[in-house]
Amino acid sequence: MHKRFTEWNTKKIEVNKIDTSNLYFREREIWWCALGANVGFEQDGKGEEFRRPVLILKKFNRFVVLVVPLTTRIKVHKYYIPCGVSDTSDTIQRMAIISQIRLVDTKRFIDKLGVADSGSFSTIKNAIKALL
């Protein structure tokens, strides 16, 4: 498994300079997030921006949120929960990887993708509660 740590370290310096004082977001929203190159089997971002879609589970303040990474890999597994997206033309089926929940700074947010439908969001939150 090849990791792009050097590239991510350069990008991370840029991400850390981002001003998010005018960024507005809410729980249940799905955002492209610069997750970076991570250790071992932690979910990585992809592409030049090291991005991956994430679902905002909990907003603690305007700088820190609890998120769960999403994937398009459809898998029948207790840690993969379907995540339906409402109010968008994006019809791609996504799965929340609840074993990978993490705290992130909102400087990592790139662009809003959509909003999880309320049924999916409730199912994902309940699955995480059961996990903990």
N, C-alpha and C. Protein backbone atom coordinates (compact mmCIF):
# COMPACT_ATOMS: atom_id res chain seq x y z
N MET A 1 0.84 -1.16 0.00
CA MET A 1 0.00 0.00 0.00
C MET A 1 0.90 1.25 0.00
N HIS A 2 0.87 1.99 -1.10
CA HIS A 2 1.69 3.20 -1.23
C HIS A 2 0.96 4.39 -0.62
N LYS A 3 1.60 5.09 0.28
CA LYS A 3 1.05 6.29 0.92
C LYS A 3 1.82 7.51 0.42
N ARG A 4 1.12 8.62 0.24
CA ARG A 4 1.71 9.85 -0.29
C ARG A 4 1.94 10.86 0.85
N PHE A 5 2.68 10.46 1.85
CA PHE A 5 2.89 11.30 3.03
C PHE A 5 3.57 12.64 2.72
N THR A 6 4.58 12.62 1.88
CA THR A 6 5.31 13.85 1.57
C THR A 6 4.40 14.85 0.87
N GLU A 7 3.61 14.37 -0.10
CA GLU A 7 2.66 15.25 -0.80
C GLU A 7 1.63 15.80 0.18
N TRP A 8 1.12 14.94 1.07
CA TRP A 8 0.11 15.38 2.02
C TRP A 8 0.69 16.41 3.00
N ASN A 9 1.92 16.21 3.44
CA ASN A 9 2.52 17.18 4.36
C ASN A 9 2.60 18.56 3.73
N THR A 10 2.91 18.64 2.45
CA THR A 10 2.94 19.92 1.74
C THR A 10 1.53 20.51 1.67
N LYS A 11 0.56 19.69 1.31
CA LYS A 11 -0.83 20.15 1.20
C LYS A 11 -1.37 20.56 2.57
N LYS A 12 -1.01 19.83 3.62
CA LYS A 12 -1.49 20.10 4.97
C LYS A 12 -1.09 21.51 5.44
N ILE A 13 0.08 21.96 5.04
CA ILE A 13 0.53 23.31 5.37
C ILE A 13 -0.43 24.34 4.76
N GLU A 14 -0.85 24.11 3.52
CA GLU A 14 -1.82 24.99 2.85
C GLU A 14 -3.17 24.94 3.55
N VAL A 15 -3.63 23.74 3.88
CA VAL A 15 -4.93 23.55 4.53
C VAL A 15 -4.97 24.28 5.87
N ASN A 16 -3.88 24.25 6.59
CA ASN A 16 -3.82 24.88 7.91
C ASN A 16 -3.96 26.41 7.84
N LYS A 17 -3.67 27.01 6.69
CA LYS A 17 -3.76 28.46 6.51
C LYS A 17 -5.16 28.94 6.14
N ILE A 18 -6.07 28.02 5.85
CA ILE A 18 -7.40 28.38 5.38
C ILE A 18 -8.19 29.09 6.49
N ASP A 19 -8.87 30.17 6.10
CA ASP A 19 -9.73 30.91 7.03
C ASP A 19 -11.16 30.40 6.88
N THR A 20 -11.70 29.84 7.95
CA THR A 20 -13.06 29.29 7.90
C THR A 20 -14.06 30.14 8.67
N SER A 21 -13.71 31.40 8.94
CA SER A 21 -14.60 32.24 9.74
C SER A 21 -15.93 32.51 9.04
N ASN A 22 -15.99 32.41 7.72
CA ASN A 22 -17.24 32.64 6.98
C ASN A 22 -17.85 31.34 6.47
N LEU A 23 -17.42 30.22 7.00
CA LEU A 23 -17.93 28.92 6.55
C LEU A 23 -19.15 28.52 7.38
N TYR A 24 -20.23 28.16 6.70
CA TYR A 24 -21.46 27.76 7.39
C TYR A 24 -21.77 26.31 7.06
N PHE A 25 -22.04 25.53 8.07
CA PHE A 25 -22.32 24.11 7.90
C PHE A 25 -23.20 23.65 9.05
N ARG A 26 -23.85 22.50 8.86
CA ARG A 26 -24.74 21.95 9.87
C ARG A 26 -24.57 20.44 9.96
N GLU A 27 -25.04 19.90 11.07
CA GLU A 27 -25.09 18.45 11.21
C GLU A 27 -25.98 17.91 10.10
N ARG A 28 -25.66 16.72 9.64
CA ARG A 28 -26.37 16.01 8.56
C ARG A 28 -25.85 16.36 7.18
N GLU A 29 -25.05 17.43 7.07
CA GLU A 29 -24.52 17.80 5.76
C GLU A 29 -23.36 16.88 5.38
N ILE A 30 -23.17 16.72 4.08
CA ILE A 30 -22.06 15.94 3.55
C ILE A 30 -21.13 16.91 2.84
N TRP A 31 -19.86 16.88 3.24
CA TRP A 31 -18.86 17.79 2.69
C TRP A 31 -17.68 17.00 2.13
N TRP A 32 -17.08 17.54 1.07
CA TRP A 32 -15.77 17.05 0.65
C TRP A 32 -14.79 17.57 1.68
N CYS A 33 -13.92 16.70 2.16
CA CYS A 33 -13.03 17.02 3.27
C CYS A 33 -11.62 16.53 2.94
N ALA A 34 -10.63 17.37 3.19
CA ALA A 34 -9.23 17.00 2.95
C ALA A 34 -8.76 16.13 4.12
N LEU A 35 -9.02 14.83 4.04
CA LEU A 35 -8.64 13.92 5.12
C LEU A 35 -7.16 13.58 5.11
N GLY A 36 -6.52 13.71 3.96
CA GLY A 36 -5.08 13.50 3.91
C GLY A 36 -4.66 12.06 3.72
N ALA A 37 -3.37 11.85 3.87
CA ALA A 37 -2.77 10.51 3.84
C ALA A 37 -2.59 10.09 5.30
N ASN A 38 -3.22 9.02 5.68
CA ASN A 38 -3.22 8.59 7.08
C ASN A 38 -2.48 7.28 7.28
N VAL A 39 -2.26 6.94 8.50
CA VAL A 39 -1.46 5.77 8.87
C VAL A 39 -2.26 4.48 8.68
N GLY A 40 -1.61 3.46 8.16
CA GLY A 40 -2.20 2.13 8.08
C GLY A 40 -3.52 2.08 7.35
N PHE A 41 -4.55 1.57 8.03
CA PHE A 41 -5.85 1.34 7.41
C PHE A 41 -6.85 2.46 7.68
N GLU A 42 -6.39 3.59 8.23
CA GLU A 42 -7.28 4.73 8.41
C GLU A 42 -7.67 5.25 7.02
N GLN A 43 -8.89 5.75 6.90
CA GLN A 43 -9.37 6.22 5.60
C GLN A 43 -8.55 7.42 5.13
N ASP A 44 -8.10 7.33 3.90
CA ASP A 44 -7.34 8.40 3.26
C ASP A 44 -8.25 9.21 2.35
N GLY A 45 -7.81 10.45 2.08
CA GLY A 45 -8.42 11.22 1.03
C GLY A 45 -7.78 10.81 -0.29
N LYS A 46 -8.38 11.21 -1.40
CA LYS A 46 -7.86 10.83 -2.71
C LYS A 46 -7.65 12.06 -3.58
N GLY A 47 -6.90 11.90 -4.63
CA GLY A 47 -6.68 12.97 -5.59
C GLY A 47 -5.69 14.01 -5.09
N GLU A 48 -5.59 15.11 -5.83
CA GLU A 48 -4.65 16.17 -5.49
C GLU A 48 -4.99 16.84 -4.16
N GLU A 49 -6.28 16.90 -3.81
CA GLU A 49 -6.70 17.56 -2.57
C GLU A 49 -6.81 16.59 -1.40
N PHE A 50 -6.51 15.32 -1.65
CA PHE A 50 -6.61 14.29 -0.61
C PHE A 50 -8.00 14.31 0.01
N ARG A 51 -9.02 14.38 -0.83
CA ARG A 51 -10.37 14.57 -0.32
C ARG A 51 -11.20 13.30 -0.30
N ARG A 52 -12.18 13.32 0.57
CA ARG A 52 -13.13 12.24 0.72
C ARG A 52 -14.42 12.86 1.26
N PRO A 53 -15.58 12.34 0.84
CA PRO A 53 -16.81 12.89 1.43
C PRO A 53 -16.97 12.41 2.87
N VAL A 54 -17.45 13.32 3.71
CA VAL A 54 -17.71 13.00 5.11
C VAL A 54 -19.09 13.51 5.49
N LEU A 55 -19.70 12.83 6.42
CA LEU A 55 -21.00 13.23 6.96
C LEU A 55 -20.76 13.88 8.32
N ILE A 56 -21.29 15.08 8.51
CA ILE A 56 -21.14 15.77 9.79
C ILE A 56 -22.12 15.16 10.79
N LEU A 57 -21.58 14.53 11.83
CA LEU A 57 -22.40 13.92 12.88
C LEU A 57 -22.74 14.91 13.99
N LYS A 58 -21.73 15.68 14.38
CA LYS A 58 -21.90 16.59 15.51
C LYS A 58 -21.04 17.83 15.30
N LYS A 59 -21.66 18.99 15.43
CA LYS A 59 -20.94 20.26 15.35
C LYS A 59 -20.68 20.71 16.78
N PHE A 60 -19.42 20.79 17.18
CA PHE A 60 -19.07 21.25 18.52
C PHE A 60 -18.97 22.77 18.57
N ASN A 61 -18.41 23.34 17.54
CA ASN A 61 -18.34 24.80 17.38
C ASN A 61 -18.04 25.06 15.91
N ARG A 62 -17.72 26.29 15.56
CA ARG A 62 -17.51 26.58 14.13
C ARG A 62 -16.16 26.10 13.60
N PHE A 63 -15.36 25.52 14.48
CA PHE A 63 -14.03 25.06 14.08
C PHE A 63 -13.84 23.55 14.14
N VAL A 64 -14.64 22.84 14.92
CA VAL A 64 -14.41 21.42 15.15
C VAL A 64 -15.73 20.64 15.02
N VAL A 65 -15.66 19.53 14.27
CA VAL A 65 -16.84 18.69 14.06
C VAL A 65 -16.44 17.21 14.16
N LEU A 66 -17.42 16.40 14.49
CA LEU A 66 -17.25 14.95 14.47
C LEU A 66 -17.85 14.47 13.15
N VAL A 67 -17.06 13.71 12.38
CA VAL A 67 -17.52 13.26 11.06
C VAL A 67 -17.34 11.76 10.92
N VAL A 68 -18.03 11.22 9.94
CA VAL A 68 -17.83 9.83 9.55
C VAL A 68 -17.53 9.84 8.04
N PRO A 69 -16.42 9.21 7.63
CA PRO A 69 -16.08 9.15 6.20
C PRO A 69 -17.10 8.30 5.43
N LEU A 70 -17.30 8.68 4.18
CA LEU A 70 -18.20 7.95 3.30
C LEU A 70 -17.40 7.30 2.18
N THR A 71 -17.95 6.24 1.65
CA THR A 71 -17.32 5.54 0.53
C THR A 71 -18.40 5.12 -0.46
N THR A 72 -18.00 4.93 -1.71
CA THR A 72 -18.92 4.42 -2.72
C THR A 72 -18.85 2.89 -2.80
N ARG A 73 -17.93 2.32 -2.04
CA ARG A 73 -17.81 0.85 -2.01
C ARG A 73 -18.99 0.28 -1.22
N ILE A 74 -19.85 -0.43 -1.91
CA ILE A 74 -21.02 -1.03 -1.28
C ILE A 74 -20.58 -2.34 -0.63
N LYS A 75 -20.81 -2.44 0.65
CA LYS A 75 -20.34 -3.59 1.40
C LYS A 75 -21.40 -3.97 2.45
N VAL A 76 -21.71 -5.24 2.54
CA VAL A 76 -22.61 -5.71 3.58
C VAL A 76 -21.75 -6.06 4.78
N HIS A 77 -21.75 -5.16 5.76
CA HIS A 77 -20.90 -5.31 6.93
C HIS A 77 -21.48 -4.44 8.04
N LYS A 78 -21.30 -4.85 9.27
CA LYS A 78 -21.90 -4.10 10.38
C LYS A 78 -21.32 -2.71 10.55
N TYR A 79 -20.15 -2.43 9.98
CA TYR A 79 -19.55 -1.11 10.09
C TYR A 79 -19.79 -0.23 8.85
N TYR A 80 -20.52 -0.73 7.88
CA TYR A 80 -20.87 0.02 6.68
C TYR A 80 -22.38 0.22 6.66
N ILE A 81 -22.80 1.48 6.76
CA ILE A 81 -24.23 1.80 6.83
C ILE A 81 -24.59 2.67 5.63
N PRO A 82 -25.67 2.31 4.89
CA PRO A 82 -26.07 3.12 3.73
C PRO A 82 -26.38 4.56 4.14
N CYS A 83 -25.98 5.49 3.28
CA CYS A 83 -26.21 6.91 3.53
C CYS A 83 -26.89 7.52 2.32
N GLY A 84 -28.18 7.72 2.40
CA GLY A 84 -28.92 8.37 1.31
C GLY A 84 -28.71 9.87 1.35
N VAL A 85 -28.62 10.47 0.17
CA VAL A 85 -28.39 11.90 0.07
C VAL A 85 -29.63 12.56 -0.52
N SER A 86 -30.15 13.57 0.18
CA SER A 86 -31.29 14.31 -0.33
C SER A 86 -30.84 15.66 -0.86
N ASP A 87 -31.70 16.36 -1.51
CA ASP A 87 -31.51 17.71 -2.07
C ASP A 87 -30.27 17.87 -2.93
N THR A 88 -29.98 16.87 -3.74
CA THR A 88 -28.85 16.97 -4.67
C THR A 88 -29.14 16.11 -5.89
N SER A 89 -28.50 16.41 -6.99
CA SER A 89 -28.66 15.59 -8.20
C SER A 89 -27.70 14.41 -8.19
N ASP A 90 -26.86 14.33 -7.16
CA ASP A 90 -25.89 13.24 -7.02
C ASP A 90 -26.64 11.96 -6.66
N THR A 91 -26.61 10.99 -7.54
CA THR A 91 -27.36 9.74 -7.31
C THR A 91 -26.45 8.59 -6.90
N ILE A 92 -25.20 8.90 -6.59
CA ILE A 92 -24.25 7.86 -6.21
C ILE A 92 -24.59 7.32 -4.83
N GLN A 93 -24.69 5.99 -4.72
CA GLN A 93 -24.93 5.36 -3.41
C GLN A 93 -23.66 5.41 -2.58
N ARG A 94 -23.80 5.87 -1.36
CA ARG A 94 -22.65 5.96 -0.46
C ARG A 94 -22.91 5.17 0.81
N MET A 95 -21.82 4.76 1.44
CA MET A 95 -21.89 4.03 2.70
C MET A 95 -21.07 4.80 3.73
N ALA A 96 -21.59 4.92 4.95
CA ALA A 96 -20.85 5.52 6.05
C ALA A 96 -20.02 4.42 6.70
N ILE A 97 -18.74 4.69 6.90
CA ILE A 97 -17.85 3.71 7.54
C ILE A 97 -17.77 4.10 9.01
N ILE A 98 -18.68 3.55 9.82
CA ILE A 98 -18.83 4.03 11.20
C ILE A 98 -17.64 3.67 12.09
N SER A 99 -16.82 2.72 11.69
CA SER A 99 -15.63 2.40 12.49
C SER A 99 -14.54 3.46 12.34
N GLN A 100 -14.75 4.42 11.42
CA GLN A 100 -13.73 5.43 11.12
C GLN A 100 -14.13 6.84 11.57
N ILE A 101 -15.07 6.96 12.51
CA ILE A 101 -15.47 8.30 12.95
C ILE A 101 -14.26 9.04 13.50
N ARG A 102 -14.24 10.36 13.28
CA ARG A 102 -13.11 11.15 13.75
C ARG A 102 -13.48 12.61 13.89
N LEU A 103 -12.70 13.29 14.72
CA LEU A 103 -12.82 14.72 14.93
C LEU A 103 -11.96 15.42 13.89
N VAL A 104 -12.50 16.43 13.22
CA VAL A 104 -11.71 17.18 12.25
C VAL A 104 -11.93 18.68 12.43
N ASP A 105 -10.94 19.44 12.04
CA ASP A 105 -11.04 20.88 12.00
C ASP A 105 -11.76 21.26 10.70
N THR A 106 -12.58 22.30 10.75
CA THR A 106 -13.33 22.69 9.56
C THR A 106 -12.44 23.30 8.47
N LYS A 107 -11.17 23.56 8.77
CA LYS A 107 -10.24 24.00 7.73
C LYS A 107 -10.10 22.93 6.65
N ARG A 108 -10.41 21.70 7.00
CA ARG A 108 -10.31 20.60 6.05
C ARG A 108 -11.47 20.58 5.05
N PHE A 109 -12.57 21.31 5.32
CA PHE A 109 -13.72 21.30 4.43
C PHE A 109 -13.41 21.98 3.11
N ILE A 110 -13.79 21.32 2.01
CA ILE A 110 -13.52 21.85 0.68
C ILE A 110 -14.79 22.40 0.04
N ASP A 111 -15.84 21.58 0.01
CA ASP A 111 -17.08 21.98 -0.66
C ASP A 111 -18.22 21.11 -0.18
N LYS A 112 -19.40 21.69 -0.08
CA LYS A 112 -20.58 20.94 0.35
C LYS A 112 -21.06 20.06 -0.81
N LEU A 113 -21.35 18.81 -0.49
CA LEU A 113 -21.82 17.84 -1.48
C LEU A 113 -23.34 17.69 -1.43
N GLY A 114 -23.91 17.71 -0.24
CA GLY A 114 -25.35 17.53 -0.09
C GLY A 114 -25.73 17.37 1.36
N VAL A 115 -26.91 16.78 1.58
CA VAL A 115 -27.42 16.55 2.93
C VAL A 115 -27.92 15.12 3.00
N ALA A 116 -27.56 14.43 4.06
CA ALA A 116 -28.04 13.06 4.25
C ALA A 116 -29.53 13.10 4.56
N ASP A 117 -30.29 12.17 4.01
CA ASP A 117 -31.71 12.14 4.35
C ASP A 117 -31.86 11.79 5.83
N SER A 118 -32.94 12.25 6.43
CA SER A 118 -33.10 12.13 7.88
C SER A 118 -33.14 10.67 8.34
N GLY A 119 -33.71 9.78 7.54
CA GLY A 119 -33.75 8.36 7.90
C GLY A 119 -32.36 7.74 7.96
N SER A 120 -31.55 8.03 6.95
CA SER A 120 -30.17 7.52 6.93
C SER A 120 -29.37 8.07 8.09
N PHE A 121 -29.52 9.38 8.35
CA PHE A 121 -28.77 10.02 9.42
C PHE A 121 -29.11 9.38 10.76
N SER A 122 -30.37 9.14 10.99
CA SER A 122 -30.81 8.51 12.24
C SER A 122 -30.25 7.09 12.37
N THR A 123 -30.30 6.33 11.29
CA THR A 123 -29.77 4.97 11.28
C THR A 123 -28.27 4.95 11.57
N ILE A 124 -27.55 5.87 10.95
CA ILE A 124 -26.09 5.95 11.15
C ILE A 124 -25.78 6.32 12.59
N LYS A 125 -26.47 7.31 13.15
CA LYS A 125 -26.23 7.71 14.54
C LYS A 125 -26.53 6.57 15.51
N ASN A 126 -27.61 5.85 15.27
CA ASN A 126 -27.96 4.71 16.13
C ASN A 126 -26.93 3.61 16.04
N ALA A 127 -26.41 3.36 14.84
CA ALA A 127 -25.37 2.33 14.66
C ALA A 127 -24.09 2.73 15.39
N ILE A 128 -23.76 4.01 15.38
CA ILE A 128 -22.57 4.49 16.09
C ILE A 128 -22.77 4.37 17.60
N LYS A 129 -23.94 4.70 18.07
CA LYS A 129 -24.23 4.56 19.51
C LYS A 129 -24.09 3.10 19.94
N ALA A 130 -24.58 2.19 19.11
CA ALA A 130 -24.47 0.76 19.41
C ALA A 130 -23.01 0.30 19.38
N LEU A 131 -22.22 0.90 18.50
CA LEU A 131 -20.81 0.58 18.38
C LEU A 131 -20.04 0.99 19.65
N LEU A 132 -20.39 2.14 20.21
CA LEU A 132 -19.71 2.66 21.37
C LEU A 132 -20.20 1.99 22.61
